[in-house]
Amino acid sequence: MAQPKKKTSKSKRDKRRATWKSKARLQAQRALSLGKSILTGRAQGFIYPQAEAEEEEE
């Protein structure tokens, strides 16, 4: 017969959630930074095809 698993302690659960949330916060910061650099035209590691879009409009 199947046995129930051991309960996870609150500290382990909280540590895991804190790690998950901190990763999400870091990714949000990076996305915002990339968006700002694209808007100002200073993006180095992101290819944004503006020239092709301008040619299609004309």
N, C-alpha and C. Protein backbone atom coordinates (compact mmCIF):
# COMPACT_ATOMS: atom_id res chain seq x y z
N MET A 1 0.83 -1.18 0.00
CA MET A 1 0.00 0.00 0.00
C MET A 1 0.88 1.25 0.00
N ALA A 2 0.45 2.29 -0.68
CA ALA A 2 1.25 3.51 -0.80
C ALA A 2 1.28 4.27 0.53
N GLN A 3 2.45 4.77 0.84
CA GLN A 3 2.62 5.54 2.08
C GLN A 3 2.64 7.03 1.75
N PRO A 4 2.10 7.86 2.65
CA PRO A 4 2.15 9.31 2.40
C PRO A 4 3.59 9.82 2.52
N LYS A 5 3.91 10.82 1.73
CA LYS A 5 5.26 11.38 1.76
C LYS A 5 5.41 12.30 2.97
N LYS A 6 6.68 12.56 3.34
CA LYS A 6 6.93 13.43 4.48
C LYS A 6 6.57 14.86 4.13
N LYS A 7 6.09 15.59 5.13
CA LYS A 7 5.71 16.97 4.92
C LYS A 7 6.96 17.85 4.77
N THR A 8 6.91 18.78 3.81
CA THR A 8 8.02 19.71 3.62
C THR A 8 7.95 20.78 4.71
N SER A 9 9.09 21.10 5.30
CA SER A 9 9.10 22.09 6.37
C SER A 9 8.82 23.48 5.81
N LYS A 10 8.36 24.37 6.66
CA LYS A 10 8.04 25.73 6.23
C LYS A 10 9.28 26.47 5.75
N SER A 11 10.42 26.20 6.39
CA SER A 11 11.64 26.90 5.97
C SER A 11 12.08 26.48 4.57
N LYS A 12 11.98 25.18 4.26
CA LYS A 12 12.33 24.71 2.91
C LYS A 12 11.37 25.31 1.89
N ARG A 13 10.10 25.30 2.22
CA ARG A 13 9.09 25.85 1.32
C ARG A 13 9.34 27.34 1.08
N ASP A 14 9.60 28.09 2.14
CA ASP A 14 9.82 29.53 2.01
C ASP A 14 11.10 29.84 1.24
N LYS A 15 12.14 29.04 1.47
CA LYS A 15 13.40 29.24 0.75
C LYS A 15 13.20 29.02 -0.75
N ARG A 16 12.46 27.97 -1.09
CA ARG A 16 12.20 27.67 -2.49
C ARG A 16 11.39 28.78 -3.15
N ARG A 17 10.40 29.27 -2.46
CA ARG A 17 9.57 30.35 -3.01
C ARG A 17 10.37 31.64 -3.15
N ALA A 18 11.22 31.95 -2.19
CA ALA A 18 12.04 33.16 -2.25
C ALA A 18 13.00 33.11 -3.43
N THR A 19 13.57 31.94 -3.69
CA THR A 19 14.46 31.77 -4.83
C THR A 19 13.70 32.00 -6.13
N TRP A 20 12.53 31.44 -6.23
CA TRP A 20 11.71 31.57 -7.42
C TRP A 20 11.34 33.03 -7.67
N LYS A 21 10.95 33.73 -6.59
CA LYS A 21 10.56 35.13 -6.74
C LYS A 21 11.74 36.02 -7.08
N SER A 22 12.92 35.73 -6.52
CA SER A 22 14.08 36.55 -6.83
C SER A 22 14.51 36.37 -8.28
N LYS A 23 14.36 35.15 -8.82
CA LYS A 23 14.66 34.93 -10.23
C LYS A 23 13.70 35.72 -11.11
N ALA A 24 12.43 35.73 -10.74
CA ALA A 24 11.44 36.47 -11.51
C ALA A 24 11.74 37.97 -11.47
N ARG A 25 12.14 38.47 -10.33
CA ARG A 25 12.46 39.89 -10.19
C ARG A 25 13.66 40.27 -11.06
N LEU A 26 14.66 39.40 -11.09
CA LEU A 26 15.85 39.65 -11.90
C LEU A 26 15.51 39.65 -13.39
N GLN A 27 14.68 38.71 -13.83
CA GLN A 27 14.28 38.67 -15.23
C GLN A 27 13.47 39.90 -15.62
N ALA A 28 12.62 40.38 -14.71
CA ALA A 28 11.83 41.57 -14.98
C ALA A 28 12.74 42.79 -15.12
N GLN A 29 13.76 42.88 -14.28
CA GLN A 29 14.72 43.98 -14.37
C GLN A 29 15.45 43.95 -15.70
N ARG A 30 15.88 42.77 -16.12
CA ARG A 30 16.60 42.64 -17.38
C ARG A 30 15.71 43.01 -18.56
N ALA A 31 14.46 42.58 -18.53
CA ALA A 31 13.54 42.90 -19.62
C ALA A 31 13.28 44.39 -19.71
N LEU A 32 13.12 45.04 -18.56
CA LEU A 32 12.90 46.48 -18.55
C LEU A 32 14.12 47.22 -19.06
N SER A 33 15.29 46.78 -18.65
CA SER A 33 16.53 47.39 -19.10
C SER A 33 16.70 47.24 -20.61
N LEU A 34 16.42 46.06 -21.13
CA LEU A 34 16.53 45.83 -22.56
C LEU A 34 15.53 46.70 -23.32
N GLY A 35 14.32 46.81 -22.82
CA GLY A 35 13.31 47.65 -23.45
C GLY A 35 13.73 49.11 -23.49
N LYS A 36 14.30 49.60 -22.40
CA LYS A 36 14.76 50.98 -22.36
C LYS A 36 15.90 51.21 -23.34
N SER A 37 16.84 50.26 -23.42
CA SER A 37 17.97 50.43 -24.33
C SER A 37 17.52 50.37 -25.79
N ILE A 38 16.51 49.58 -26.08
CA ILE A 38 15.99 49.52 -27.45
C ILE A 38 15.34 50.85 -27.81
N LEU A 39 14.58 51.42 -26.89
CA LEU A 39 13.91 52.69 -27.16
C LEU A 39 14.90 53.83 -27.37
N THR A 40 16.02 53.79 -26.65
CA THR A 40 17.01 54.86 -26.81
C THR A 40 17.97 54.57 -27.94
N GLY A 41 17.97 53.35 -28.49
CA GLY A 41 18.85 53.00 -29.59
C GLY A 41 20.24 52.59 -29.16
N ARG A 42 20.43 52.25 -27.90
CA ARG A 42 21.75 51.89 -27.39
C ARG A 42 21.91 50.38 -27.19
N ALA A 43 20.99 49.60 -27.69
CA ALA A 43 21.03 48.15 -27.48
C ALA A 43 22.22 47.55 -28.24
N GLN A 44 23.05 46.77 -27.54
CA GLN A 44 24.21 46.14 -28.16
C GLN A 44 23.95 44.67 -28.48
N GLY A 45 23.28 43.95 -27.60
CA GLY A 45 23.11 42.52 -27.78
C GLY A 45 21.74 42.12 -28.30
N PHE A 46 21.04 43.05 -28.90
CA PHE A 46 19.69 42.75 -29.37
C PHE A 46 19.55 43.29 -30.78
N ILE A 47 19.13 42.45 -31.72
CA ILE A 47 18.99 42.88 -33.11
C ILE A 47 17.54 43.31 -33.32
N TYR A 48 17.37 44.54 -33.72
CA TYR A 48 16.04 45.09 -33.93
C TYR A 48 15.97 45.62 -35.36
N PRO A 49 15.26 44.97 -36.25
CA PRO A 49 15.29 45.33 -37.68
C PRO A 49 14.45 46.58 -37.98
N GLN A 50 14.98 47.74 -37.69
CA GLN A 50 14.26 48.98 -37.97
C GLN A 50 14.33 49.36 -39.44
N ALA A 51 15.46 49.14 -40.10
CA ALA A 51 15.64 49.55 -41.50
C ALA A 51 14.65 48.83 -42.41
N GLU A 52 14.40 47.55 -42.17
CA GLU A 52 13.47 46.80 -43.01
C GLU A 52 12.05 47.32 -42.83
N ALA A 53 11.68 47.66 -41.62
CA ALA A 53 10.33 48.16 -41.36
C ALA A 53 10.11 49.49 -42.04
N GLU A 54 11.13 50.35 -42.07
CA GLU A 54 11.00 51.64 -42.72
C GLU A 54 10.86 51.50 -44.22
N GLU A 55 11.58 50.55 -44.83
CA GLU A 55 11.50 50.34 -46.27
C GLU A 55 10.14 49.84 -46.68
N GLU A 56 9.51 49.01 -45.88
CA GLU A 56 8.20 48.46 -46.21
C GLU A 56 7.12 49.52 -46.16
N GLU A 57 7.25 50.52 -45.28
CA GLU A 57 6.24 51.57 -45.17
C GLU A 57 6.23 52.49 -46.37
N GLU A 58 7.37 52.68 -47.02
CA GLU A 58 7.46 53.62 -48.15
C GLU A 58 6.90 53.10 -49.41
